[in-house]
N, C-alpha and C. Protein backbone atom coordinates (compact mmCIF):
# COMPACT_ATOMS: atom_id res chain seq x y z
N MET A 1 139.58 67.50 83.00
CA MET A 1 139.73 68.19 81.75
C MET A 1 140.94 68.82 81.60
N THR A 2 141.68 68.72 80.42
CA THR A 2 142.91 69.29 80.15
C THR A 2 142.91 70.46 79.37
N ILE A 3 143.54 71.65 79.85
CA ILE A 3 143.59 72.94 79.25
C ILE A 3 144.92 72.84 78.56
N THR A 4 145.05 73.21 77.40
CA THR A 4 146.42 73.38 76.66
C THR A 4 146.43 74.90 76.28
N THR A 5 147.82 75.22 75.99
CA THR A 5 147.95 76.90 75.50
C THR A 5 148.17 76.61 74.06
N LYS A 6 147.96 77.73 73.20
CA LYS A 6 148.09 77.78 71.90
C LYS A 6 149.63 77.78 71.50
N THR A 7 150.07 76.42 70.95
CA THR A 7 151.30 76.38 70.69
C THR A 7 151.12 75.18 69.60
N THR A 8 152.27 75.17 68.49
CA THR A 8 152.20 74.37 67.36
C THR A 8 152.36 72.89 67.58
N LYS A 9 153.32 72.65 68.67
CA LYS A 9 153.80 71.40 68.87
C LYS A 9 153.40 70.58 70.11
N GLU A 10 152.24 70.83 70.64
CA GLU A 10 151.86 69.98 71.75
C GLU A 10 150.29 70.25 71.90
N GLY A 11 149.60 69.19 72.70
CA GLY A 11 148.18 69.31 73.04
C GLY A 11 147.70 68.03 72.14
N PRO A 12 146.44 67.76 72.63
CA PRO A 12 145.73 66.70 72.09
C PRO A 12 145.59 66.53 70.33
N PHE A 13 145.32 67.79 69.88
CA PHE A 13 145.07 67.97 68.36
C PHE A 13 146.42 67.62 67.67
N TYR A 14 147.54 68.22 68.15
CA TYR A 14 148.80 67.87 67.62
C TYR A 14 149.04 66.29 67.61
N ASP A 15 148.98 65.83 68.87
CA ASP A 15 149.23 64.48 69.06
C ASP A 15 148.35 63.53 68.18
N ALA A 16 146.96 63.99 67.85
CA ALA A 16 146.27 63.22 67.04
C ALA A 16 146.47 63.18 65.77
N PHE A 17 147.11 64.42 65.35
CA PHE A 17 147.39 64.43 63.75
C PHE A 17 148.74 64.19 63.62
N GLU A 18 149.74 64.48 64.42
CA GLU A 18 151.22 64.37 64.05
C GLU A 18 151.92 63.17 64.83
N GLY A 19 151.06 62.57 65.86
CA GLY A 19 151.54 61.45 66.46
C GLY A 19 151.90 59.88 65.69
N SER A 20 151.88 59.04 66.38
CA SER A 20 152.28 57.77 65.80
C SER A 20 150.75 57.31 65.26
N LYS A 21 150.88 56.71 64.01
CA LYS A 21 149.71 56.05 63.42
C LYS A 21 149.65 54.48 63.60
N ASN A 22 150.48 53.89 64.24
CA ASN A 22 150.63 52.68 64.64
C ASN A 22 149.30 52.09 65.28
N GLY A 23 148.66 51.27 64.50
CA GLY A 23 147.51 50.72 64.82
C GLY A 23 146.18 51.43 64.56
N VAL A 24 146.39 52.53 64.01
CA VAL A 24 145.42 53.51 63.61
C VAL A 24 144.62 52.90 62.20
N ILE A 25 143.07 52.75 62.32
CA ILE A 25 142.49 52.37 61.11
C ILE A 25 141.60 53.59 60.67
N LYS A 26 141.32 54.43 61.33
CA LYS A 26 140.32 55.59 61.01
C LYS A 26 140.72 56.87 61.92
N GLN A 27 140.49 57.97 61.37
CA GLN A 27 140.52 59.17 62.19
C GLN A 27 139.49 59.96 61.56
N GLU A 28 138.78 60.92 62.41
CA GLU A 28 137.66 61.75 61.74
C GLU A 28 137.82 63.01 62.69
N LEU A 29 137.66 64.32 61.93
CA LEU A 29 137.40 65.55 62.62
C LEU A 29 136.18 66.11 62.36
N ILE A 30 135.28 66.43 63.20
CA ILE A 30 134.01 66.98 63.02
C ILE A 30 134.01 68.51 63.45
N THR A 31 133.67 69.36 62.41
CA THR A 31 133.71 70.73 62.82
C THR A 31 132.09 71.19 62.71
N TYR A 32 131.54 72.16 63.55
CA TYR A 32 130.34 72.72 63.45
C TYR A 32 130.67 74.10 63.13
N LYS A 33 130.03 74.87 62.10
CA LYS A 33 130.38 76.10 61.98
C LYS A 33 128.83 76.72 61.25
N ILE A 34 128.67 78.07 61.71
CA ILE A 34 127.81 78.83 60.88
C ILE A 34 128.14 79.42 59.46
N ARG A 35 127.47 79.03 58.58
CA ARG A 35 127.98 79.50 57.34
C ARG A 35 126.71 79.78 56.37
N GLY A 36 126.71 81.09 55.95
CA GLY A 36 125.50 81.36 55.23
C GLY A 36 124.26 81.34 55.87
N GLY A 37 124.16 81.65 57.31
CA GLY A 37 122.89 81.59 57.83
C GLY A 37 122.37 80.15 58.17
N MET A 38 123.26 79.06 57.95
CA MET A 38 122.96 77.82 58.46
C MET A 38 124.09 77.16 59.34
N LEU A 39 123.52 76.25 60.35
CA LEU A 39 124.54 75.70 61.16
C LEU A 39 124.89 74.36 60.22
N VAL A 40 126.30 74.39 60.03
CA VAL A 40 126.90 73.06 59.17
C VAL A 40 127.80 72.38 60.02
N MET A 41 127.61 71.07 59.42
CA MET A 41 128.58 70.04 60.11
C MET A 41 129.50 69.69 58.90
N GLU A 42 130.93 69.75 59.20
CA GLU A 42 131.93 69.45 58.18
C GLU A 42 132.39 68.24 58.79
N SER A 43 132.66 67.41 58.00
CA SER A 43 133.42 65.92 58.49
C SER A 43 134.34 65.72 57.56
N THR A 44 135.50 65.52 58.21
CA THR A 44 136.80 64.99 57.62
C THR A 44 137.37 63.66 58.09
N ILE A 45 137.56 62.54 57.07
CA ILE A 45 137.76 61.41 57.57
C ILE A 45 138.97 60.78 56.85
N ARG A 46 139.80 60.03 57.44
CA ARG A 46 141.11 59.47 56.95
C ARG A 46 140.94 57.85 57.31
N ASN A 47 140.72 57.03 56.26
CA ASN A 47 140.70 55.49 56.40
C ASN A 47 142.24 55.11 55.95
N TYR A 48 142.71 54.26 56.92
CA TYR A 48 144.02 53.80 56.57
C TYR A 48 144.16 52.29 56.19
N ASP A 49 144.79 51.98 55.33
CA ASP A 49 144.89 50.61 54.77
C ASP A 49 146.52 50.26 54.54
N GLY A 50 147.11 49.81 55.64
CA GLY A 50 148.54 49.92 55.69
C GLY A 50 149.23 50.96 55.71
N ASP A 51 150.18 51.21 54.83
CA ASP A 51 150.83 52.34 54.64
C ASP A 51 150.06 53.35 53.86
N ASP A 52 148.88 53.08 53.28
CA ASP A 52 148.13 54.09 52.37
C ASP A 52 146.90 54.56 53.21
N TYR A 53 146.27 55.55 52.51
CA TYR A 53 145.03 55.95 53.34
C TYR A 53 144.25 56.70 52.27
N THR A 54 143.00 56.84 52.54
CA THR A 54 141.98 57.63 51.71
C THR A 54 141.29 58.64 52.52
N ASP A 55 141.12 59.86 51.82
CA ASP A 55 140.46 60.96 52.70
C ASP A 55 139.31 61.21 52.07
N THR A 56 138.23 61.51 52.80
CA THR A 56 136.95 61.86 52.27
C THR A 56 136.58 62.98 53.26
N SER A 57 135.59 64.05 52.75
CA SER A 57 135.05 64.90 53.44
C SER A 57 133.62 65.36 53.06
N SER A 58 132.72 65.93 53.88
CA SER A 58 131.51 66.15 53.62
C SER A 58 130.99 67.26 54.54
N SER A 59 130.03 67.97 53.77
CA SER A 59 129.45 69.11 54.37
C SER A 59 127.84 68.95 54.62
N THR A 60 127.28 69.03 55.88
CA THR A 60 125.91 68.84 56.05
C THR A 60 125.03 70.06 56.65
N PRO A 61 124.36 70.46 56.03
CA PRO A 61 123.60 71.72 56.58
C PRO A 61 122.66 70.94 57.66
N LEU A 62 122.66 71.71 58.91
CA LEU A 62 121.80 71.15 59.88
C LEU A 62 120.58 71.88 60.00
N ILE A 63 120.63 73.18 60.21
CA ILE A 63 119.52 74.02 60.60
C ILE A 63 119.64 75.51 60.29
N ALA A 64 118.73 76.35 60.00
CA ALA A 64 118.89 77.67 59.55
C ALA A 64 118.99 78.39 60.89
N THR A 65 119.83 79.26 61.15
CA THR A 65 120.33 79.97 62.22
C THR A 65 120.63 81.54 61.83
N GLU A 66 120.36 82.41 62.79
CA GLU A 66 120.91 83.68 62.65
C GLU A 66 122.23 83.69 63.07
N GLU A 67 123.20 84.62 62.08
CA GLU A 67 124.56 84.59 62.52
C GLU A 67 124.71 85.19 63.96
N VAL A 68 125.49 84.96 64.73
CA VAL A 68 125.67 85.29 66.17
C VAL A 68 127.02 86.11 66.15
N ALA A 69 127.21 86.99 66.97
CA ALA A 69 128.40 87.94 66.93
C ALA A 69 129.56 87.11 67.38
N TYR A 70 129.49 86.13 68.23
CA TYR A 70 130.77 85.52 68.52
C TYR A 70 131.24 84.24 67.60
N ALA A 71 130.36 84.08 66.70
CA ALA A 71 130.78 83.12 65.50
C ALA A 71 131.80 83.52 64.61
N ARG A 72 132.81 82.55 64.37
CA ARG A 72 133.96 83.11 63.55
C ARG A 72 133.63 82.74 62.14
N THR A 73 134.00 83.42 61.22
CA THR A 73 133.71 83.00 59.72
C THR A 73 135.04 82.83 59.05
């Protein structure tokens, strides 16, 4: 496991979003969050077609839950 510090120009997320797109055909980011008493999965997808791309996003409620103190809103 690699642990990185909070900086804006290093780490796996920076590399994934800002690094070379050579050979990349699809990128996905899945985020789980508690929103309005529901556990929600948010999906953001970028499909590449040569030098062009198409972005899509979706939000899927998964299960009702109580807000927990450590959840960030």
